[in-house]
Amino acid sequence: MKPWQPVLDFWFGDREPPEPAFQKRWFSGGSDVDQQIEQRFGELHRRAVEGELAAWLEHPEGRLAKIVLVDQFSRNLYRGTARAFAWDELSQRWALEARDNGHYGGLALSGRMFCLMPLMHSEDLALHHALQTAIEQLRSEFSDQDDLLQGFARAADEHRAIIERFGRYPHRNASLDRPSTDEEVAYLAESKNRFGQ
């Protein structure tokens, strides 16, 4: 077994598209999933963010697993804190490299979606435009899986609209110790969506 396979098995299972239980884990995991990730992958996450596991980036599946470890699992391990976002630029770089070096094209649809997820998490509008282009390409290539892609596209649109309006994610302000503008305070009062944070 490849060293990254446990990460992929935990996150995606063994079917494409992943079964609903796995899709629920992605976006509605809660404290149970957070604890599972801490117990099973906490040490692996530490090694990844400290620069170990570099060899994983040489393989499409290894790169995907490292992106999931650093982009997704950081949000579970450090929910509600600045550390949830501490390595976003790292996973964004790996995602863009995957697009440019061919790794991205070798992944199944769900893998491609999570390879792109760091772009959705970015506060850089240019990366949101790159994500929008990639989603349009996915919808053309995977027209038979449009149900999964519709949800992904909706989430991308929702995230991009926030960046277009504020230039950042206001729901991160408290965790990152950033002052909120009056407009952001009003937005946060009316919008309860914190994207799991």
N, C-alpha and C. Protein backbone atom coordinates (compact mmCIF):
# COMPACT_ATOMS: atom_id res chain seq x y z
N MET A 1 0.85 -1.19 0.00
CA MET A 1 0.00 0.00 0.00
C MET A 1 0.89 1.25 0.00
N LYS A 2 0.51 2.21 -0.81
CA LYS A 2 1.24 3.48 -0.85
C LYS A 2 1.03 4.22 0.47
N PRO A 3 2.01 5.00 0.90
CA PRO A 3 1.89 5.64 2.21
C PRO A 3 0.75 6.64 2.32
N TRP A 4 0.29 7.16 1.18
CA TRP A 4 -0.80 8.15 1.21
C TRP A 4 -2.19 7.51 1.13
N GLN A 5 -2.25 6.20 0.89
CA GLN A 5 -3.54 5.56 0.65
C GLN A 5 -4.50 5.67 1.83
N PRO A 6 -4.05 5.56 3.09
CA PRO A 6 -5.01 5.71 4.20
C PRO A 6 -5.74 7.06 4.20
N VAL A 7 -5.06 8.12 3.79
CA VAL A 7 -5.71 9.44 3.72
C VAL A 7 -6.81 9.40 2.67
N LEU A 8 -6.50 8.86 1.49
CA LEU A 8 -7.49 8.82 0.41
C LEU A 8 -8.65 7.90 0.76
N ASP A 9 -8.36 6.75 1.38
CA ASP A 9 -9.43 5.83 1.76
C ASP A 9 -10.36 6.47 2.78
N PHE A 10 -9.80 7.18 3.74
CA PHE A 10 -10.62 7.84 4.76
C PHE A 10 -11.50 8.93 4.14
N TRP A 11 -10.95 9.68 3.18
CA TRP A 11 -11.66 10.85 2.66
C TRP A 11 -12.61 10.50 1.51
N PHE A 12 -12.23 9.53 0.69
CA PHE A 12 -13.01 9.24 -0.51
C PHE A 12 -13.66 7.86 -0.53
N GLY A 13 -13.19 6.93 0.29
CA GLY A 13 -13.69 5.57 0.20
C GLY A 13 -13.14 4.90 -1.04
N ASP A 14 -13.87 3.89 -1.53
CA ASP A 14 -13.36 3.13 -2.68
C ASP A 14 -14.30 3.19 -3.88
N ARG A 15 -15.20 4.17 -3.90
CA ARG A 15 -16.12 4.32 -5.04
C ARG A 15 -16.02 5.72 -5.62
N GLU A 16 -16.33 5.80 -6.90
CA GLU A 16 -16.36 7.11 -7.58
C GLU A 16 -17.68 7.22 -8.32
N PRO A 17 -18.53 8.19 -8.02
CA PRO A 17 -18.32 9.17 -6.95
C PRO A 17 -18.43 8.53 -5.57
N PRO A 18 -17.80 9.14 -4.58
CA PRO A 18 -17.86 8.59 -3.22
C PRO A 18 -19.30 8.49 -2.72
N GLU A 19 -19.52 7.51 -1.87
CA GLU A 19 -20.84 7.29 -1.30
C GLU A 19 -21.26 8.50 -0.44
N PRO A 20 -22.58 8.67 -0.25
CA PRO A 20 -23.07 9.83 0.51
C PRO A 20 -22.45 9.99 1.89
N ALA A 21 -22.12 8.90 2.57
CA ALA A 21 -21.52 9.01 3.91
C ALA A 21 -20.19 9.76 3.85
N PHE A 22 -19.44 9.55 2.78
CA PHE A 22 -18.17 10.26 2.64
C PHE A 22 -18.42 11.73 2.28
N GLN A 23 -19.40 11.96 1.42
CA GLN A 23 -19.71 13.34 1.05
C GLN A 23 -20.20 14.12 2.28
N LYS A 24 -20.93 13.46 3.16
CA LYS A 24 -21.37 14.12 4.40
C LYS A 24 -20.17 14.47 5.27
N ARG A 25 -19.19 13.57 5.32
CA ARG A 25 -17.97 13.81 6.10
C ARG A 25 -17.27 15.07 5.63
N TRP A 26 -17.29 15.32 4.34
CA TRP A 26 -16.57 16.47 3.78
C TRP A 26 -17.08 17.79 4.35
N PHE A 27 -18.40 17.93 4.41
CA PHE A 27 -18.96 19.25 4.69
C PHE A 27 -19.80 19.33 5.96
N SER A 28 -20.09 18.19 6.58
CA SER A 28 -20.92 18.19 7.79
C SER A 28 -20.32 17.26 8.83
N GLY A 29 -19.01 17.21 8.90
CA GLY A 29 -18.33 16.22 9.73
C GLY A 29 -18.53 16.40 11.22
N GLY A 30 -18.29 17.59 11.73
CA GLY A 30 -18.45 17.85 13.15
C GLY A 30 -17.33 17.28 14.00
N SER A 31 -17.55 17.29 15.31
CA SER A 31 -16.49 16.93 16.26
C SER A 31 -16.08 15.47 16.16
N ASP A 32 -16.99 14.57 15.79
CA ASP A 32 -16.61 13.16 15.64
C ASP A 32 -15.56 12.99 14.56
N VAL A 33 -15.78 13.63 13.42
CA VAL A 33 -14.81 13.54 12.33
C VAL A 33 -13.51 14.23 12.73
N ASP A 34 -13.61 15.37 13.41
CA ASP A 34 -12.41 16.06 13.88
C ASP A 34 -11.56 15.14 14.75
N GLN A 35 -12.21 14.41 15.65
CA GLN A 35 -11.49 13.51 16.55
C GLN A 35 -10.86 12.35 15.79
N GLN A 36 -11.59 11.80 14.83
CA GLN A 36 -11.03 10.72 14.01
C GLN A 36 -9.78 11.20 13.27
N ILE A 37 -9.86 12.39 12.71
CA ILE A 37 -8.72 12.94 11.97
C ILE A 37 -7.54 13.18 12.90
N GLU A 38 -7.81 13.70 14.09
CA GLU A 38 -6.74 13.92 15.07
C GLU A 38 -6.06 12.60 15.42
N GLN A 39 -6.86 11.58 15.71
CA GLN A 39 -6.30 10.29 16.13
C GLN A 39 -5.55 9.59 15.00
N ARG A 40 -6.12 9.62 13.81
CA ARG A 40 -5.53 8.85 12.71
C ARG A 40 -4.47 9.61 11.92
N PHE A 41 -4.63 10.94 11.83
CA PHE A 41 -3.77 11.68 10.90
C PHE A 41 -3.08 12.90 11.51
N GLY A 42 -3.25 13.12 12.80
CA GLY A 42 -2.64 14.30 13.42
C GLY A 42 -1.13 14.34 13.24
N GLU A 43 -0.46 13.23 13.46
CA GLU A 43 1.00 13.17 13.32
C GLU A 43 1.41 13.32 11.86
N LEU A 44 0.66 12.70 10.96
CA LEU A 44 0.95 12.81 9.53
C LEU A 44 0.79 14.26 9.07
N HIS A 45 -0.23 14.93 9.57
CA HIS A 45 -0.43 16.35 9.25
C HIS A 45 0.77 17.17 9.71
N ARG A 46 1.22 16.93 10.93
CA ARG A 46 2.38 17.66 11.45
C ARG A 46 3.59 17.46 10.53
N ARG A 47 3.81 16.23 10.11
CA ARG A 47 4.95 15.94 9.23
C ARG A 47 4.79 16.66 7.89
N ALA A 48 3.57 16.69 7.38
CA ALA A 48 3.34 17.34 6.08
C ALA A 48 3.62 18.84 6.14
N VAL A 49 3.14 19.50 7.19
CA VAL A 49 3.31 20.96 7.26
C VAL A 49 4.73 21.35 7.65
N GLU A 50 5.48 20.41 8.20
CA GLU A 50 6.88 20.69 8.55
C GLU A 50 7.83 20.38 7.40
N GLY A 51 7.27 20.05 6.23
CA GLY A 51 8.11 19.87 5.05
C GLY A 51 8.47 18.44 4.74
N GLU A 52 8.00 17.52 5.54
CA GLU A 52 8.23 16.11 5.23
C GLU A 52 7.23 15.67 4.17
N LEU A 53 7.31 14.45 3.77
CA LEU A 53 6.41 13.85 2.78
C LEU A 53 6.54 14.50 1.41
N ALA A 54 7.70 15.11 1.13
CA ALA A 54 7.90 15.78 -0.17
C ALA A 54 7.74 14.81 -1.32
N ALA A 55 8.11 13.55 -1.13
CA ALA A 55 8.01 12.56 -2.21
C ALA A 55 6.56 12.34 -2.64
N TRP A 56 5.61 12.62 -1.76
CA TRP A 56 4.21 12.47 -2.13
C TRP A 56 3.85 13.35 -3.33
N LEU A 57 4.49 14.49 -3.43
CA LEU A 57 4.16 15.44 -4.50
C LEU A 57 4.60 14.96 -5.88
N GLU A 58 5.32 13.86 -5.94
CA GLU A 58 5.77 13.32 -7.23
C GLU A 58 4.73 12.44 -7.89
N HIS A 59 3.63 12.15 -7.20
CA HIS A 59 2.59 11.25 -7.70
C HIS A 59 1.23 11.95 -7.62
N PRO A 60 0.37 11.78 -8.63
CA PRO A 60 -0.94 12.45 -8.58
C PRO A 60 -1.73 12.15 -7.30
N GLU A 61 -1.80 10.85 -6.92
CA GLU A 61 -2.57 10.50 -5.74
C GLU A 61 -1.88 10.97 -4.46
N GLY A 62 -0.56 10.94 -4.45
CA GLY A 62 0.17 11.43 -3.29
C GLY A 62 -0.01 12.93 -3.10
N ARG A 63 0.03 13.65 -4.22
CA ARG A 63 -0.20 15.10 -4.16
C ARG A 63 -1.61 15.39 -3.65
N LEU A 64 -2.60 14.66 -4.17
CA LEU A 64 -3.98 14.86 -3.70
C LEU A 64 -4.07 14.59 -2.20
N ALA A 65 -3.47 13.50 -1.74
CA ALA A 65 -3.53 13.17 -0.32
C ALA A 65 -2.87 14.27 0.52
N LYS A 66 -1.77 14.83 0.03
CA LYS A 66 -1.10 15.89 0.78
C LYS A 66 -1.95 17.15 0.80
N ILE A 67 -2.64 17.44 -0.30
CA ILE A 67 -3.56 18.58 -0.32
C ILE A 67 -4.69 18.37 0.68
N VAL A 68 -5.27 17.17 0.69
CA VAL A 68 -6.34 16.88 1.65
C VAL A 68 -5.82 17.02 3.08
N LEU A 69 -4.65 16.47 3.35
CA LEU A 69 -4.04 16.57 4.68
C LEU A 69 -3.90 18.01 5.14
N VAL A 70 -3.39 18.85 4.25
CA VAL A 70 -3.02 20.21 4.66
C VAL A 70 -4.17 21.20 4.48
N ASP A 71 -4.92 21.08 3.40
CA ASP A 71 -6.02 22.02 3.16
C ASP A 71 -7.26 21.64 3.96
N GLN A 72 -7.67 20.38 3.90
CA GLN A 72 -8.90 19.96 4.56
C GLN A 72 -8.69 19.65 6.04
N PHE A 73 -7.71 18.82 6.34
CA PHE A 73 -7.56 18.35 7.71
C PHE A 73 -7.14 19.47 8.66
N SER A 74 -6.45 20.49 8.15
CA SER A 74 -6.13 21.65 9.01
C SER A 74 -7.41 22.27 9.56
N ARG A 75 -8.45 22.28 8.75
CA ARG A 75 -9.72 22.88 9.16
C ARG A 75 -10.42 22.04 10.22
N ASN A 76 -10.18 20.73 10.20
CA ASN A 76 -10.73 19.85 11.23
C ASN A 76 -9.89 19.90 12.51
N LEU A 77 -8.58 19.85 12.34
CA LEU A 77 -7.68 19.79 13.49
C LEU A 77 -7.67 21.09 14.29
N TYR A 78 -7.84 22.21 13.60
CA TYR A 78 -7.70 23.52 14.25
C TYR A 78 -8.94 24.39 14.05
N ARG A 79 -10.08 23.76 14.02
CA ARG A 79 -11.35 24.45 13.77
C ARG A 79 -11.50 25.67 14.68
N GLY A 80 -11.85 26.81 14.05
CA GLY A 80 -12.11 28.03 14.82
C GLY A 80 -10.88 28.79 15.26
N THR A 81 -9.71 28.39 14.77
CA THR A 81 -8.47 29.08 15.15
C THR A 81 -7.72 29.53 13.89
N ALA A 82 -6.74 30.38 14.08
CA ALA A 82 -5.94 30.86 12.95
C ALA A 82 -5.19 29.73 12.26
N ARG A 83 -4.85 28.69 13.02
CA ARG A 83 -4.09 27.58 12.43
C ARG A 83 -4.90 26.82 11.39
N ALA A 84 -6.21 26.94 11.41
CA ALA A 84 -7.04 26.29 10.39
C ALA A 84 -6.68 26.79 8.99
N PHE A 85 -6.15 28.01 8.91
CA PHE A 85 -5.83 28.63 7.62
C PHE A 85 -4.33 28.84 7.41
N ALA A 86 -3.53 28.37 8.36
CA ALA A 86 -2.10 28.71 8.38
C ALA A 86 -1.33 28.21 7.18
N TRP A 87 -1.79 27.13 6.58
CA TRP A 87 -1.03 26.52 5.48
C TRP A 87 -1.77 26.61 4.15
N ASP A 88 -2.72 27.54 4.05
CA ASP A 88 -3.50 27.65 2.82
C ASP A 88 -2.64 27.95 1.60
N GLU A 89 -1.67 28.83 1.74
CA GLU A 89 -0.84 29.17 0.58
C GLU A 89 -0.03 27.97 0.10
N LEU A 90 0.36 27.12 1.01
CA LEU A 90 1.09 25.92 0.65
C LEU A 90 0.23 24.98 -0.19
N SER A 91 -0.98 24.72 0.27
CA SER A 91 -1.86 23.83 -0.48
C SER A 91 -2.31 24.46 -1.79
N GLN A 92 -2.44 25.79 -1.83
CA GLN A 92 -2.76 26.46 -3.09
C GLN A 92 -1.64 26.26 -4.11
N ARG A 93 -0.40 26.35 -3.65
CA ARG A 93 0.73 26.14 -4.55
C ARG A 93 0.72 24.72 -5.11
N TRP A 94 0.47 23.74 -4.24
CA TRP A 94 0.43 22.35 -4.70
C TRP A 94 -0.70 22.14 -5.70
N ALA A 95 -1.84 22.79 -5.47
CA ALA A 95 -2.96 22.65 -6.39
C ALA A 95 -2.63 23.23 -7.76
N LEU A 96 -2.02 24.40 -7.79
CA LEU A 96 -1.65 25.02 -9.07
C LEU A 96 -0.59 24.20 -9.78
N GLU A 97 0.35 23.64 -9.03
CA GLU A 97 1.35 22.77 -9.64
C GLU A 97 0.70 21.55 -10.26
N ALA A 98 -0.30 20.99 -9.59
CA ALA A 98 -1.01 19.81 -10.12
C ALA A 98 -1.67 20.13 -11.45
N ARG A 99 -2.23 21.30 -11.54
CA ARG A 99 -2.85 21.73 -12.80
C ARG A 99 -1.81 21.83 -13.90
N ASP A 100 -0.63 22.34 -13.56
CA ASP A 100 0.39 22.61 -14.57
C ASP A 100 1.24 21.39 -14.92
N ASN A 101 1.39 20.44 -13.98
CA ASN A 101 2.28 19.30 -14.26
C ASN A 101 1.57 18.04 -14.72
N GLY A 102 0.24 18.11 -14.86
CA GLY A 102 -0.51 16.96 -15.36
C GLY A 102 -1.10 16.06 -14.29
N HIS A 103 -0.73 16.25 -13.03
CA HIS A 103 -1.27 15.40 -11.97
C HIS A 103 -2.79 15.52 -11.87
N TYR A 104 -3.28 16.73 -12.00
CA TYR A 104 -4.72 17.01 -11.87
C TYR A 104 -5.52 16.17 -12.86
N GLY A 105 -5.07 16.11 -14.10
CA GLY A 105 -5.79 15.38 -15.14
C GLY A 105 -5.83 13.88 -14.92
N GLY A 106 -4.96 13.36 -14.07
CA GLY A 106 -4.94 11.93 -13.79
C GLY A 106 -5.85 11.51 -12.65
N LEU A 107 -6.58 12.45 -12.09
CA LEU A 107 -7.44 12.15 -10.94
C LEU A 107 -8.89 11.96 -11.37
N ALA A 108 -9.64 11.19 -10.58
CA ALA A 108 -11.08 11.08 -10.77
C ALA A 108 -11.74 12.41 -10.41
N LEU A 109 -13.02 12.54 -10.70
CA LEU A 109 -13.71 13.81 -10.48
C LEU A 109 -13.62 14.28 -9.03
N SER A 110 -13.92 13.41 -8.08
CA SER A 110 -13.89 13.86 -6.68
C SER A 110 -12.48 14.28 -6.28
N GLY A 111 -11.47 13.59 -6.79
CA GLY A 111 -10.09 13.99 -6.52
C GLY A 111 -9.77 15.34 -7.11
N ARG A 112 -10.25 15.59 -8.31
CA ARG A 112 -10.02 16.90 -8.93
C ARG A 112 -10.70 18.01 -8.14
N MET A 113 -11.90 17.73 -7.65
CA MET A 113 -12.60 18.75 -6.86
C MET A 113 -11.80 19.13 -5.62
N PHE A 114 -11.25 18.13 -4.94
CA PHE A 114 -10.48 18.45 -3.73
C PHE A 114 -9.09 18.98 -4.04
N CYS A 115 -8.60 18.70 -5.23
CA CYS A 115 -7.36 19.33 -5.67
C CYS A 115 -7.59 20.82 -5.90
N LEU A 116 -8.81 21.18 -6.31
CA LEU A 116 -9.16 22.58 -6.55
C LEU A 116 -9.61 23.32 -5.28
N MET A 117 -9.96 22.58 -4.24
CA MET A 117 -10.53 23.22 -3.05
C MET A 117 -9.64 24.31 -2.45
N PRO A 118 -8.31 24.18 -2.47
CA PRO A 118 -7.51 25.28 -1.94
C PRO A 118 -7.75 26.61 -2.65
N LEU A 119 -8.14 26.55 -3.92
CA LEU A 119 -8.43 27.79 -4.65
C LEU A 119 -9.70 28.43 -4.10
N MET A 120 -10.67 27.61 -3.73
CA MET A 120 -11.91 28.12 -3.15
C MET A 120 -11.65 28.75 -1.78
N HIS A 121 -10.71 28.20 -1.06
CA HIS A 121 -10.38 28.71 0.28
C HIS A 121 -9.54 29.98 0.24
N SER A 122 -9.03 30.32 -0.93
CA SER A 122 -8.14 31.48 -1.06
C SER A 122 -8.90 32.80 -0.90
N GLU A 123 -8.18 33.82 -0.44
CA GLU A 123 -8.72 35.18 -0.42
C GLU A 123 -8.20 35.98 -1.61
N ASP A 124 -7.63 35.32 -2.58
CA ASP A 124 -7.12 35.93 -3.81
C ASP A 124 -8.15 35.73 -4.92
N LEU A 125 -8.75 36.81 -5.39
CA LEU A 125 -9.82 36.71 -6.38
C LEU A 125 -9.34 36.04 -7.66
N ALA A 126 -8.09 36.24 -8.04
CA ALA A 126 -7.57 35.61 -9.26
C ALA A 126 -7.66 34.09 -9.18
N LEU A 127 -7.44 33.54 -8.00
CA LEU A 127 -7.54 32.09 -7.85
C LEU A 127 -8.99 31.63 -7.95
N HIS A 128 -9.93 32.47 -7.54
CA HIS A 128 -11.34 32.13 -7.70
C HIS A 128 -11.73 32.13 -9.18
N HIS A 129 -11.15 33.03 -9.95
CA HIS A 129 -11.42 33.02 -11.39
C HIS A 129 -10.83 31.77 -12.04
N ALA A 130 -9.64 31.35 -11.59
CA ALA A 130 -9.04 30.11 -12.09
C ALA A 130 -9.92 28.92 -11.73
N LEU A 131 -10.48 28.93 -10.53
CA LEU A 131 -11.38 27.87 -10.10
C LEU A 131 -12.63 27.83 -10.97
N GLN A 132 -13.19 28.99 -11.26
CA GLN A 132 -14.39 29.06 -12.09
C GLN A 132 -14.14 28.44 -13.46
N THR A 133 -12.99 28.75 -14.06
CA THR A 133 -12.63 28.17 -15.36
C THR A 133 -12.50 26.66 -15.25
N ALA A 134 -11.86 26.19 -14.19
CA ALA A 134 -11.68 24.74 -14.01
C ALA A 134 -13.02 24.03 -13.84
N ILE A 135 -13.95 24.64 -13.12
CA ILE A 135 -15.27 24.03 -12.93
C ILE A 135 -16.02 23.94 -14.25
N GLU A 136 -15.93 24.97 -15.06
CA GLU A 136 -16.58 24.92 -16.37
C GLU A 136 -16.02 23.77 -17.20
N GLN A 137 -14.72 23.55 -17.13
CA GLN A 137 -14.10 22.44 -17.85
C GLN A 137 -14.56 21.10 -17.29
N LEU A 138 -14.67 21.00 -15.98
CA LEU A 138 -15.15 19.76 -15.36
C LEU A 138 -16.58 19.46 -15.78
N ARG A 139 -17.42 20.47 -15.82
CA ARG A 139 -18.82 20.25 -16.19
C ARG A 139 -18.95 19.78 -17.62
N SER A 140 -18.03 20.20 -18.46
CA SER A 140 -18.01 19.73 -19.84
C SER A 140 -17.51 18.28 -19.91
N GLU A 141 -16.47 17.98 -19.17
CA GLU A 141 -15.85 16.65 -19.22
C GLU A 141 -16.67 15.60 -18.48
N PHE A 142 -17.32 15.99 -17.38
CA PHE A 142 -18.05 15.04 -16.54
C PHE A 142 -19.54 15.38 -16.52
N SER A 143 -20.13 15.55 -17.68
CA SER A 143 -21.53 15.96 -17.75
C SER A 143 -22.46 14.92 -17.13
N ASP A 144 -22.01 13.67 -17.03
CA ASP A 144 -22.84 12.62 -16.42
C ASP A 144 -22.84 12.70 -14.89
N GLN A 145 -22.02 13.55 -14.31
CA GLN A 145 -21.96 13.70 -12.85
C GLN A 145 -22.30 15.13 -12.44
N ASP A 146 -23.24 15.71 -13.15
CA ASP A 146 -23.54 17.13 -12.93
C ASP A 146 -24.14 17.40 -11.55
N ASP A 147 -24.80 16.41 -10.93
CA ASP A 147 -25.35 16.64 -9.59
C ASP A 147 -24.25 17.01 -8.61
N LEU A 148 -23.16 16.25 -8.63
CA LEU A 148 -22.03 16.53 -7.74
C LEU A 148 -21.40 17.87 -8.09
N LEU A 149 -21.28 18.14 -9.37
CA LEU A 149 -20.63 19.37 -9.81
C LEU A 149 -21.49 20.61 -9.57
N GLN A 150 -22.81 20.45 -9.61
CA GLN A 150 -23.68 21.60 -9.32
C GLN A 150 -23.45 22.13 -7.92
N GLY A 151 -23.36 21.21 -6.95
CA GLY A 151 -23.10 21.62 -5.57
C GLY A 151 -21.75 22.29 -5.42
N PHE A 152 -20.75 21.74 -6.11
CA PHE A 152 -19.40 22.30 -6.06
C PHE A 152 -19.39 23.69 -6.68
N ALA A 153 -20.06 23.84 -7.82
CA ALA A 153 -20.12 25.14 -8.50
C ALA A 153 -20.85 26.17 -7.65
N ARG A 154 -21.94 25.76 -6.98
CA ARG A 154 -22.68 26.67 -6.09
C ARG A 154 -21.79 27.16 -4.96
N ALA A 155 -21.06 26.23 -4.35
CA ALA A 155 -20.16 26.60 -3.25
C ALA A 155 -19.08 27.56 -3.74
N ALA A 156 -18.55 27.29 -4.93
CA ALA A 156 -17.51 28.18 -5.49
C ALA A 156 -18.08 29.57 -5.74
N ASP A 157 -19.30 29.64 -6.27
CA ASP A 157 -19.93 30.94 -6.53
C ASP A 157 -20.15 31.71 -5.22
N GLU A 158 -20.60 30.99 -4.19
CA GLU A 158 -20.85 31.62 -2.89
C GLU A 158 -19.56 32.17 -2.30
N HIS A 159 -18.49 31.38 -2.37
CA HIS A 159 -17.21 31.84 -1.85
C HIS A 159 -16.68 33.04 -2.66
N ARG A 160 -16.77 32.94 -3.98
CA ARG A 160 -16.25 34.02 -4.82
C ARG A 160 -17.00 35.32 -4.58
N ALA A 161 -18.32 35.23 -4.38
CA ALA A 161 -19.12 36.44 -4.13
C ALA A 161 -18.65 37.16 -2.87
N ILE A 162 -18.26 36.40 -1.86
CA ILE A 162 -17.76 37.02 -0.62
C ILE A 162 -16.44 37.74 -0.88
N ILE A 163 -15.56 37.09 -1.64
CA ILE A 163 -14.26 37.71 -1.94
C ILE A 163 -14.46 38.94 -2.82
N GLU A 164 -15.38 38.87 -3.78
CA GLU A 164 -15.65 40.04 -4.63
C GLU A 164 -16.18 41.21 -3.79
N ARG A 165 -16.97 40.91 -2.79
CA ARG A 165 -17.58 41.96 -1.98
C ARG A 165 -16.61 42.54 -0.95
N PHE A 166 -15.85 41.67 -0.28
CA PHE A 166 -15.04 42.12 0.85
C PHE A 166 -13.53 42.03 0.63
N GLY A 167 -13.12 41.25 -0.36
CA GLY A 167 -11.68 41.04 -0.57
C GLY A 167 -11.07 40.05 0.40
N ARG A 168 -11.91 39.46 1.24
CA ARG A 168 -11.47 38.47 2.22
C ARG A 168 -12.71 37.79 2.79
N TYR A 169 -12.50 36.78 3.64
CA TYR A 169 -13.61 36.11 4.29
C TYR A 169 -13.83 36.72 5.68
N PRO A 170 -14.89 37.50 5.85
CA PRO A 170 -15.11 38.13 7.16
C PRO A 170 -15.24 37.13 8.31
N HIS A 171 -15.75 35.92 8.02
CA HIS A 171 -15.93 34.96 9.12
C HIS A 171 -14.59 34.48 9.69
N ARG A 172 -13.49 34.78 9.02
CA ARG A 172 -12.17 34.44 9.55
C ARG A 172 -11.59 35.54 10.44
N ASN A 173 -12.19 36.70 10.44
CA ASN A 173 -11.59 37.86 11.12
C ASN A 173 -11.29 37.59 12.60
N ALA A 174 -12.26 37.02 13.31
CA ALA A 174 -12.05 36.78 14.74
C ALA A 174 -10.90 35.81 14.97
N SER A 175 -10.87 34.71 14.20
CA SER A 175 -9.80 33.72 14.36
C SER A 175 -8.44 34.31 14.03
N LEU A 176 -8.40 35.18 13.03
CA LEU A 176 -7.14 35.76 12.58
C LEU A 176 -6.81 37.08 13.28
N ASP A 177 -7.64 37.46 14.23
CA ASP A 177 -7.43 38.70 15.00
C ASP A 177 -7.38 39.92 14.07
N ARG A 178 -8.28 39.91 13.08
CA ARG A 178 -8.40 41.06 12.16
C ARG A 178 -9.62 41.86 12.56
N PRO A 179 -9.52 43.18 12.59
CA PRO A 179 -10.72 43.98 12.86
C PRO A 179 -11.69 43.89 11.68
N SER A 180 -12.97 43.86 11.98
CA SER A 180 -14.01 43.83 10.95
C SER A 180 -14.47 45.24 10.64
N THR A 181 -14.75 45.49 9.38
CA THR A 181 -15.34 46.77 8.98
C THR A 181 -16.81 46.78 9.40
N ASP A 182 -17.43 47.94 9.36
CA ASP A 182 -18.86 48.04 9.68
C ASP A 182 -19.67 47.16 8.74
N GLU A 183 -19.31 47.17 7.46
CA GLU A 183 -20.04 46.36 6.48
C GLU A 183 -19.89 44.87 6.80
N GLU A 184 -18.70 44.46 7.22
CA GLU A 184 -18.48 43.06 7.57
C GLU A 184 -19.26 42.68 8.83
N VAL A 185 -19.31 43.58 9.80
CA VAL A 185 -20.08 43.31 11.02
C VAL A 185 -21.54 43.09 10.67
N ALA A 186 -22.09 43.93 9.80
CA ALA A 186 -23.48 43.78 9.38
C ALA A 186 -23.68 42.46 8.64
N TYR A 187 -22.75 42.12 7.77
CA TYR A 187 -22.82 40.86 7.02
C TYR A 187 -22.80 39.67 7.97
N LEU A 188 -21.87 39.68 8.93
CA LEU A 188 -21.75 38.56 9.86
C LEU A 188 -22.99 38.41 10.73
N ALA A 189 -23.66 39.52 11.01
CA ALA A 189 -24.88 39.46 11.82
C ALA A 189 -26.02 38.81 11.05
N GLU A 190 -26.03 38.99 9.73
CA GLU A 190 -27.14 38.44 8.93
C GLU A 190 -26.82 37.08 8.34
N SER A 191 -25.55 36.75 8.14
CA SER A 191 -25.15 35.48 7.54
C SER A 191 -24.58 34.58 8.61
N LYS A 192 -25.19 33.43 8.79
CA LYS A 192 -24.71 32.49 9.80
C LYS A 192 -23.73 31.48 9.22
N ASN A 193 -23.50 31.51 7.92
CA ASN A 193 -22.61 30.53 7.30
C ASN A 193 -21.16 30.87 7.60
N ARG A 194 -20.52 30.00 8.35
CA ARG A 194 -19.11 30.18 8.69
C ARG A 194 -18.25 29.12 8.01
N PHE A 195 -18.85 28.34 7.09
CA PHE A 195 -18.12 27.29 6.36
C PHE A 195 -17.37 26.36 7.31
N GLY A 196 -18.05 25.98 8.39
CA GLY A 196 -17.46 25.04 9.33
C GLY A 196 -16.51 25.64 10.33
N GLN A 197 -16.26 26.94 10.23
CA GLN A 197 -15.33 27.59 11.15
C GLN A 197 -16.12 28.53 12.03
